[in-house]
Structure formats: structure tokens, C-alpha cells
Amino acid sequence: MNKVILMGRLTRDPEVRVSTGERQTTIGRFSIAVDRRFKRDGQPDADFFNCTTFGKQAEFVERYLHKGTKVVVVGSVQNDNYTNKDGQQVYSVQIMVDEIEFAESKNSSESAGNTFQPTQPSAGNANDFMNIPDGVVEDLPFN
């Protein structure tokens, strides 16, 4: 079984592109910093993982995720090994994302100094609540 669940913050804005060829696919790439549970002197406080997603998820990443956004990703680990131009073998891993979700609210993200800005403004008033006409409250199932 190859399954990984990570929670961390984007280290930079995602890079999204559309593949060329017969079947065009949207590809999103981003990296997240995941805090280590136990910290030792002289050791890093976080680990950094490169993530890749495709299709509608890549479009979601492009539209809503920005540097500093805290997310949870579920996916699998894939080797991304290659030989560089000097003939040396380079070893790395890539997280192939199957699922992605926000790990905190927009307000928490903003108060932590992160600037989450959706690319399209939301409809509604300043509080993002829908106005309910008078007399409808009695018909609401959760009243």
C-alpha cells in the first residue's frame, strides 16, 4: 500500500500549466512545508515535499491556493529519480495528490499573516452571508 497524508503550508504560489499533445491536461505543482513533530537541536524544524496534481484539482490549486495556505493532502509517494547532465544519479520523491483540502479557515489564515485571496470575489454582502427575506425563517428546517 502506498498512501501518504500530509498537513502543511505552501512554500510558494503553485505553478500550473496545461500539457501539450493530443489530450491536454492541467498540471499543478506546489510544495508544502510540514512541521516535524519532534525537534532536535541542529536538525530542521520542517520537511519540504513537492506535490503534483492533475485536472480539476490542478485548476482548484491554481484558483484558491497561495503561498502560506495551510492544506491537507492525501496521495501516494512516487520516485522521481533521474541522471543529471553530469552523469550523476539524483534521487527525489514526489507526492502525487489524490485529495486536497483546506486545513484552516480563511480568517485564521489571514490573522496568521497569510494572504489568501480567491481569484474571483464572492457574491453577497461584506460578511459573505446570504440575506434571508422576512417571513422565511419559519420555513427553515434548522430553526
N, C-alpha and C. Protein backbone atom coordinates (compact mmCIF):
# COMPACT_ATOMS: atom_id res chain seq x y z
N MET A 1 0.84 -1.17 0.00
CA MET A 1 0.00 0.00 0.00
C MET A 1 0.89 1.24 0.00
N ASN A 2 0.57 2.22 -0.81
CA ASN A 2 1.33 3.45 -0.93
C ASN A 2 0.37 4.61 -0.73
N LYS A 3 0.27 5.12 0.52
CA LYS A 3 -0.63 6.21 0.83
C LYS A 3 0.03 7.12 1.84
N VAL A 4 -0.08 8.42 1.60
CA VAL A 4 0.52 9.40 2.49
C VAL A 4 -0.50 10.51 2.75
N ILE A 5 -0.52 10.99 4.00
CA ILE A 5 -1.37 12.11 4.39
C ILE A 5 -0.46 13.14 5.03
N LEU A 6 -0.46 14.35 4.49
CA LEU A 6 0.42 15.42 4.99
C LEU A 6 -0.39 16.68 5.24
N MET A 7 -0.02 17.42 6.28
CA MET A 7 -0.61 18.72 6.53
C MET A 7 0.52 19.73 6.64
N GLY A 8 0.43 20.79 5.85
CA GLY A 8 1.46 21.81 5.89
C GLY A 8 1.04 23.04 5.13
N ARG A 9 1.97 23.97 5.02
CA ARG A 9 1.72 25.25 4.34
C ARG A 9 2.48 25.30 3.02
N LEU A 10 1.85 25.89 2.02
CA LEU A 10 2.52 26.08 0.73
C LEU A 10 3.72 26.99 0.91
N THR A 11 4.84 26.61 0.33
CA THR A 11 6.06 27.40 0.46
C THR A 11 6.16 28.48 -0.61
N ARG A 12 5.35 28.37 -1.65
CA ARG A 12 5.31 29.36 -2.73
C ARG A 12 3.99 29.20 -3.47
N ASP A 13 3.66 30.14 -4.32
CA ASP A 13 2.46 30.03 -5.13
C ASP A 13 2.59 28.82 -6.06
N PRO A 14 1.48 28.11 -6.31
CA PRO A 14 1.54 26.95 -7.19
C PRO A 14 1.89 27.32 -8.63
N GLU A 15 2.51 26.39 -9.33
CA GLU A 15 2.79 26.54 -10.76
C GLU A 15 1.81 25.63 -11.50
N VAL A 16 1.02 26.20 -12.39
CA VAL A 16 0.02 25.42 -13.12
C VAL A 16 0.23 25.65 -14.60
N ARG A 17 0.18 24.55 -15.35
CA ARG A 17 0.32 24.65 -16.80
C ARG A 17 -0.58 23.60 -17.44
N VAL A 18 -0.75 23.72 -18.74
CA VAL A 18 -1.54 22.75 -19.49
C VAL A 18 -0.58 21.97 -20.38
N SER A 19 -0.67 20.64 -20.32
CA SER A 19 0.22 19.81 -21.13
C SER A 19 -0.11 19.97 -22.60
N THR A 20 0.87 19.71 -23.43
CA THR A 20 0.65 19.77 -24.87
C THR A 20 0.43 18.35 -25.37
N GLY A 21 -0.12 18.25 -26.52
CA GLY A 21 -0.33 16.92 -27.08
C GLY A 21 -1.79 16.67 -27.40
N GLU A 22 -2.09 15.43 -27.68
CA GLU A 22 -3.43 15.05 -28.11
C GLU A 22 -4.47 15.27 -27.01
N ARG A 23 -4.16 14.82 -25.80
CA ARG A 23 -5.08 15.00 -24.67
C ARG A 23 -4.48 16.01 -23.70
N GLN A 24 -4.94 17.25 -23.77
CA GLN A 24 -4.42 18.29 -22.89
C GLN A 24 -4.92 18.07 -21.46
N THR A 25 -4.00 18.20 -20.51
CA THR A 25 -4.31 18.03 -19.10
C THR A 25 -3.70 19.17 -18.32
N THR A 26 -4.44 19.69 -17.35
CA THR A 26 -3.91 20.72 -16.47
C THR A 26 -3.07 20.04 -15.39
N ILE A 27 -1.86 20.57 -15.18
CA ILE A 27 -0.92 20.01 -14.21
C ILE A 27 -0.57 21.10 -13.21
N GLY A 28 -0.74 20.80 -11.93
CA GLY A 28 -0.41 21.75 -10.87
C GLY A 28 0.72 21.21 -10.02
N ARG A 29 1.69 22.07 -9.74
CA ARG A 29 2.83 21.69 -8.90
C ARG A 29 2.98 22.73 -7.78
N PHE A 30 3.23 22.23 -6.59
CA PHE A 30 3.45 23.10 -5.44
C PHE A 30 4.25 22.33 -4.41
N SER A 31 4.78 23.03 -3.44
CA SER A 31 5.49 22.35 -2.36
C SER A 31 4.91 22.80 -1.03
N ILE A 32 4.96 21.89 -0.06
CA ILE A 32 4.46 22.22 1.27
C ILE A 32 5.55 21.96 2.31
N ALA A 33 5.52 22.77 3.35
CA ALA A 33 6.41 22.59 4.49
C ALA A 33 5.60 21.93 5.60
N VAL A 34 6.07 20.79 6.08
CA VAL A 34 5.40 20.04 7.13
C VAL A 34 6.27 20.08 8.38
N ASP A 35 5.72 20.65 9.45
CA ASP A 35 6.47 20.73 10.70
C ASP A 35 6.77 19.34 11.23
N ARG A 36 7.97 19.18 11.76
CA ARG A 36 8.33 17.91 12.39
C ARG A 36 7.70 17.87 13.78
N ARG A 37 7.29 16.69 14.16
CA ARG A 37 6.64 16.51 15.45
C ARG A 37 7.62 16.73 16.60
N PHE A 38 8.81 16.15 16.47
CA PHE A 38 9.84 16.29 17.49
C PHE A 38 11.01 17.03 16.88
N LYS A 39 11.45 18.07 17.56
CA LYS A 39 12.54 18.88 17.04
C LYS A 39 13.79 18.67 17.89
N ARG A 40 14.90 18.46 17.21
CA ARG A 40 16.18 18.28 17.90
C ARG A 40 17.10 19.42 17.53
N ASP A 41 18.00 19.74 18.45
CA ASP A 41 18.98 20.81 18.18
C ASP A 41 19.80 20.46 16.96
N GLY A 42 19.96 21.42 16.07
CA GLY A 42 20.77 21.23 14.88
C GLY A 42 20.03 20.55 13.74
N GLN A 43 18.80 20.10 13.97
CA GLN A 43 18.01 19.45 12.93
C GLN A 43 16.96 20.43 12.39
N PRO A 44 16.52 20.23 11.15
CA PRO A 44 15.48 21.11 10.60
C PRO A 44 14.18 20.99 11.38
N ASP A 45 13.39 22.08 11.40
CA ASP A 45 12.09 22.08 12.06
C ASP A 45 10.99 21.55 11.17
N ALA A 46 11.24 21.49 9.86
CA ALA A 46 10.20 21.07 8.92
C ALA A 46 10.82 20.27 7.78
N ASP A 47 9.96 19.51 7.11
CA ASP A 47 10.35 18.80 5.89
C ASP A 47 9.55 19.41 4.74
N PHE A 48 10.14 19.38 3.55
CA PHE A 48 9.52 20.01 2.39
C PHE A 48 9.22 18.94 1.35
N PHE A 49 7.98 18.95 0.84
CA PHE A 49 7.55 17.94 -0.11
C PHE A 49 7.02 18.60 -1.37
N ASN A 50 7.48 18.10 -2.52
CA ASN A 50 6.97 18.56 -3.81
C ASN A 50 5.73 17.74 -4.14
N CYS A 51 4.67 18.44 -4.55
CA CYS A 51 3.39 17.80 -4.82
C CYS A 51 2.96 18.09 -6.25
N THR A 52 2.27 17.12 -6.86
CA THR A 52 1.75 17.27 -8.22
C THR A 52 0.30 16.80 -8.24
N THR A 53 -0.54 17.56 -8.94
CA THR A 53 -1.94 17.21 -9.10
C THR A 53 -2.37 17.49 -10.53
N PHE A 54 -3.45 16.87 -10.95
CA PHE A 54 -3.89 16.95 -12.35
C PHE A 54 -5.37 17.33 -12.46
N GLY A 55 -5.74 17.79 -13.65
CA GLY A 55 -7.14 18.02 -14.00
C GLY A 55 -7.82 19.09 -13.16
N LYS A 56 -9.03 18.78 -12.70
CA LYS A 56 -9.83 19.74 -11.93
C LYS A 56 -9.14 20.14 -10.64
N GLN A 57 -8.42 19.20 -10.02
CA GLN A 57 -7.70 19.55 -8.79
C GLN A 57 -6.61 20.57 -9.06
N ALA A 58 -5.94 20.46 -10.19
CA ALA A 58 -4.91 21.43 -10.55
C ALA A 58 -5.54 22.80 -10.76
N GLU A 59 -6.73 22.84 -11.35
CA GLU A 59 -7.44 24.11 -11.53
C GLU A 59 -7.84 24.70 -10.18
N PHE A 60 -8.26 23.84 -9.24
CA PHE A 60 -8.60 24.28 -7.88
C PHE A 60 -7.37 24.89 -7.21
N VAL A 61 -6.24 24.20 -7.34
CA VAL A 61 -4.98 24.67 -6.74
C VAL A 61 -4.62 26.04 -7.29
N GLU A 62 -4.74 26.21 -8.60
CA GLU A 62 -4.40 27.49 -9.22
C GLU A 62 -5.31 28.61 -8.73
N ARG A 63 -6.56 28.30 -8.56
CA ARG A 63 -7.55 29.32 -8.22
C ARG A 63 -7.53 29.72 -6.75
N TYR A 64 -7.34 28.75 -5.85
CA TYR A 64 -7.55 29.03 -4.42
C TYR A 64 -6.32 28.94 -3.52
N LEU A 65 -5.26 28.30 -3.96
CA LEU A 65 -4.10 28.14 -3.07
C LEU A 65 -3.02 29.15 -3.38
N HIS A 66 -2.39 29.64 -2.33
CA HIS A 66 -1.33 30.63 -2.45
C HIS A 66 -0.27 30.33 -1.38
N LYS A 67 0.85 30.97 -1.51
CA LYS A 67 1.92 30.81 -0.53
C LYS A 67 1.36 31.04 0.87
N GLY A 68 1.64 30.11 1.78
CA GLY A 68 1.18 30.24 3.16
C GLY A 68 -0.13 29.54 3.47
N THR A 69 -0.88 29.13 2.46
CA THR A 69 -2.15 28.45 2.71
C THR A 69 -1.88 27.09 3.35
N LYS A 70 -2.61 26.79 4.43
CA LYS A 70 -2.44 25.51 5.12
C LYS A 70 -3.41 24.50 4.52
N VAL A 71 -2.88 23.36 4.09
CA VAL A 71 -3.68 22.34 3.42
C VAL A 71 -3.38 20.95 3.97
N VAL A 72 -4.30 20.03 3.72
CA VAL A 72 -4.09 18.61 3.95
C VAL A 72 -4.11 17.95 2.59
N VAL A 73 -3.09 17.16 2.29
CA VAL A 73 -3.06 16.43 1.02
C VAL A 73 -3.03 14.93 1.32
N VAL A 74 -3.73 14.18 0.48
CA VAL A 74 -3.74 12.73 0.54
C VAL A 74 -3.30 12.25 -0.83
N GLY A 75 -2.34 11.35 -0.86
CA GLY A 75 -1.85 10.87 -2.15
C GLY A 75 -0.90 9.71 -1.98
N SER A 76 -0.03 9.57 -2.94
CA SER A 76 0.96 8.48 -2.91
C SER A 76 2.34 9.06 -3.18
N VAL A 77 3.35 8.33 -2.74
CA VAL A 77 4.74 8.74 -2.94
C VAL A 77 5.26 8.06 -4.20
N GLN A 78 5.92 8.85 -5.03
CA GLN A 78 6.45 8.31 -6.29
C GLN A 78 7.91 8.73 -6.43
N ASN A 79 8.77 7.78 -6.82
CA ASN A 79 10.17 8.12 -7.09
C ASN A 79 10.26 9.05 -8.28
N ASP A 80 11.14 10.02 -8.17
CA ASP A 80 11.36 10.97 -9.26
C ASP A 80 12.87 11.03 -9.51
N ASN A 81 13.48 9.87 -9.72
CA ASN A 81 14.93 9.77 -9.88
C ASN A 81 15.32 10.02 -11.34
N TYR A 82 16.50 10.61 -11.52
CA TYR A 82 17.00 10.87 -12.87
C TYR A 82 18.51 11.03 -12.84
N THR A 83 19.11 10.98 -14.00
CA THR A 83 20.54 11.22 -14.14
C THR A 83 20.73 12.64 -14.68
N ASN A 84 21.49 13.45 -13.96
CA ASN A 84 21.67 14.85 -14.39
C ASN A 84 22.70 14.94 -15.53
N LYS A 85 22.94 16.15 -16.01
CA LYS A 85 23.82 16.34 -17.16
C LYS A 85 25.28 15.97 -16.86
N ASP A 86 25.64 15.89 -15.57
CA ASP A 86 26.99 15.48 -15.19
C ASP A 86 27.11 13.97 -15.02
N GLY A 87 26.02 13.25 -15.30
CA GLY A 87 26.04 11.80 -15.20
C GLY A 87 25.81 11.26 -13.80
N GLN A 88 25.45 12.14 -12.87
CA GLN A 88 25.21 11.71 -11.50
C GLN A 88 23.73 11.37 -11.31
N GLN A 89 23.49 10.33 -10.54
CA GLN A 89 22.11 9.93 -10.24
C GLN A 89 21.55 10.86 -9.16
N VAL A 90 20.37 11.43 -9.40
CA VAL A 90 19.70 12.31 -8.45
C VAL A 90 18.45 11.58 -7.95
N TYR A 91 18.31 11.50 -6.63
CA TYR A 91 17.18 10.80 -6.02
C TYR A 91 16.24 11.82 -5.39
N SER A 92 14.96 11.71 -5.68
CA SER A 92 13.96 12.56 -5.05
C SER A 92 12.62 11.84 -5.10
N VAL A 93 11.69 12.36 -4.33
CA VAL A 93 10.34 11.81 -4.33
C VAL A 93 9.34 12.92 -4.64
N GLN A 94 8.20 12.52 -5.11
CA GLN A 94 7.12 13.42 -5.48
C GLN A 94 5.85 12.89 -4.83
N ILE A 95 5.03 13.76 -4.28
CA ILE A 95 3.73 13.36 -3.75
C ILE A 95 2.72 13.56 -4.87
N MET A 96 2.09 12.47 -5.30
CA MET A 96 1.05 12.53 -6.32
C MET A 96 -0.28 12.68 -5.58
N VAL A 97 -0.87 13.86 -5.66
CA VAL A 97 -2.02 14.23 -4.84
C VAL A 97 -3.31 13.63 -5.41
N ASP A 98 -4.04 12.92 -4.55
CA ASP A 98 -5.36 12.39 -4.90
C ASP A 98 -6.46 13.28 -4.34
N GLU A 99 -6.23 13.83 -3.14
CA GLU A 99 -7.21 14.69 -2.49
C GLU A 99 -6.48 15.87 -1.86
N ILE A 100 -7.17 17.02 -1.80
CA ILE A 100 -6.59 18.19 -1.14
C ILE A 100 -7.72 18.98 -0.50
N GLU A 101 -7.47 19.44 0.73
CA GLU A 101 -8.47 20.22 1.46
C GLU A 101 -7.77 21.33 2.23
N PHE A 102 -8.54 22.40 2.50
CA PHE A 102 -8.03 23.46 3.35
C PHE A 102 -7.92 22.93 4.77
N ALA A 103 -6.88 23.35 5.50
CA ALA A 103 -6.67 22.90 6.88
C ALA A 103 -7.01 23.98 7.90
N GLU A 104 -7.40 25.15 7.43
CA GLU A 104 -7.82 26.21 8.33
C GLU A 104 -8.76 27.15 7.59
N SER A 105 -9.48 27.94 8.35
CA SER A 105 -10.42 28.87 7.74
C SER A 105 -9.69 30.04 7.10
N LYS A 106 -10.39 30.75 6.26
CA LYS A 106 -9.82 31.92 5.60
C LYS A 106 -9.41 32.96 6.64
N ASN A 107 -10.24 33.18 7.66
CA ASN A 107 -9.94 34.17 8.69
C ASN A 107 -8.71 33.78 9.50
N SER A 108 -8.55 32.49 9.83
CA SER A 108 -7.36 32.05 10.57
C SER A 108 -6.11 32.27 9.75
N SER A 109 -6.22 32.00 8.46
CA SER A 109 -5.08 32.17 7.56
C SER A 109 -4.67 33.64 7.50
N GLU A 110 -5.65 34.53 7.42
CA GLU A 110 -5.35 35.96 7.33
C GLU A 110 -4.78 36.49 8.63
N SER A 111 -5.30 36.02 9.78
CA SER A 111 -4.79 36.51 11.06
C SER A 111 -3.39 36.01 11.34
N ALA A 112 -3.00 34.91 10.70
CA ALA A 112 -1.63 34.39 10.87
C ALA A 112 -0.65 35.10 9.95
N GLY A 113 -1.14 36.10 9.21
CA GLY A 113 -0.26 36.85 8.33
C GLY A 113 -0.22 36.33 6.92
N ASN A 114 -1.02 35.32 6.61
CA ASN A 114 -1.07 34.78 5.25
C ASN A 114 -2.14 35.54 4.48
N THR A 115 -1.92 35.70 3.22
CA THR A 115 -2.87 36.46 2.40
C THR A 115 -3.55 35.53 1.42
N PHE A 116 -4.65 34.94 1.85
CA PHE A 116 -5.45 34.10 0.98
C PHE A 116 -6.40 35.01 0.23
N GLN A 117 -6.29 35.05 -1.07
CA GLN A 117 -7.15 35.87 -1.90
C GLN A 117 -7.70 35.03 -3.04
N PRO A 118 -9.00 34.65 -3.01
CA PRO A 118 -9.52 33.93 -4.16
C PRO A 118 -9.45 34.81 -5.39
N THR A 119 -9.35 34.19 -6.55
CA THR A 119 -9.18 34.96 -7.77
C THR A 119 -10.46 35.65 -8.22
N GLN A 120 -11.62 35.18 -7.72
CA GLN A 120 -12.87 35.85 -8.04
C GLN A 120 -13.54 36.26 -6.75
N PRO A 121 -14.10 37.47 -6.68
CA PRO A 121 -14.76 37.90 -5.45
C PRO A 121 -16.01 37.06 -5.21
N SER A 122 -16.31 36.84 -3.93
CA SER A 122 -17.51 36.07 -3.60
C SER A 122 -18.73 36.97 -3.71
N ALA A 123 -19.84 36.34 -4.03
CA ALA A 123 -21.09 37.08 -4.12
C ALA A 123 -21.65 37.26 -2.72
N GLY A 124 -22.40 38.33 -2.50
CA GLY A 124 -23.02 38.55 -1.21
C GLY A 124 -22.49 39.80 -0.56
N ASN A 125 -22.93 40.01 0.69
CA ASN A 125 -22.52 41.23 1.38
C ASN A 125 -21.15 41.06 2.01
N ALA A 126 -20.75 42.03 2.79
CA ALA A 126 -19.39 42.04 3.34
C ALA A 126 -19.11 40.85 4.26
N ASN A 127 -20.16 40.29 4.90
CA ASN A 127 -19.96 39.16 5.80
C ASN A 127 -20.08 37.82 5.09
N ASP A 128 -20.32 37.83 3.79
CA ASP A 128 -20.49 36.62 2.99
C ASP A 128 -21.66 35.77 3.46
N PHE A 129 -22.69 36.39 4.06
CA PHE A 129 -23.90 35.69 4.41
C PHE A 129 -25.00 36.10 3.45
N MET A 130 -25.87 35.16 3.14
CA MET A 130 -26.98 35.45 2.26
C MET A 130 -28.09 36.12 3.05
N ASN A 131 -28.70 37.15 2.50
CA ASN A 131 -29.83 37.79 3.15
C ASN A 131 -31.06 36.90 3.01
N ILE A 132 -31.75 36.67 4.14
CA ILE A 132 -32.97 35.86 4.13
C ILE A 132 -34.15 36.80 4.25
N PRO A 133 -35.09 36.72 3.30
CA PRO A 133 -36.24 37.63 3.33
C PRO A 133 -37.09 37.40 4.59
N ASP A 134 -37.77 38.45 5.03
CA ASP A 134 -38.65 38.35 6.19
C ASP A 134 -39.75 37.32 5.94
N GLY A 135 -40.12 36.58 6.98
CA GLY A 135 -41.20 35.60 6.88
C GLY A 135 -40.75 34.22 6.44
N VAL A 136 -39.49 34.05 6.00
CA VAL A 136 -39.00 32.75 5.52
C VAL A 136 -38.42 31.93 6.67
N VAL A 137 -38.04 32.58 7.75
CA VAL A 137 -37.34 31.91 8.84
C VAL A 137 -38.16 30.73 9.38
N GLU A 138 -39.48 30.85 9.43
CA GLU A 138 -40.31 29.77 9.95
C GLU A 138 -40.22 28.52 9.11
N ASP A 139 -39.91 28.64 7.81
CA ASP A 139 -39.85 27.50 6.91
C ASP A 139 -38.49 26.80 6.90
N LEU A 140 -37.49 27.36 7.57
CA LEU A 140 -36.15 26.77 7.58
C LEU A 140 -36.13 25.53 8.46
N PRO A 141 -35.51 24.44 8.00
CA PRO A 141 -35.53 23.17 8.75
C PRO A 141 -34.72 23.21 10.05
N PHE A 142 -33.81 24.14 10.19
CA PHE A 142 -32.94 24.16 11.37
C PHE A 142 -33.34 25.26 12.34
N ASN A 143 -34.51 25.83 12.17
CA ASN A 143 -34.98 26.91 13.03
C ASN A 143 -35.40 26.38 14.37
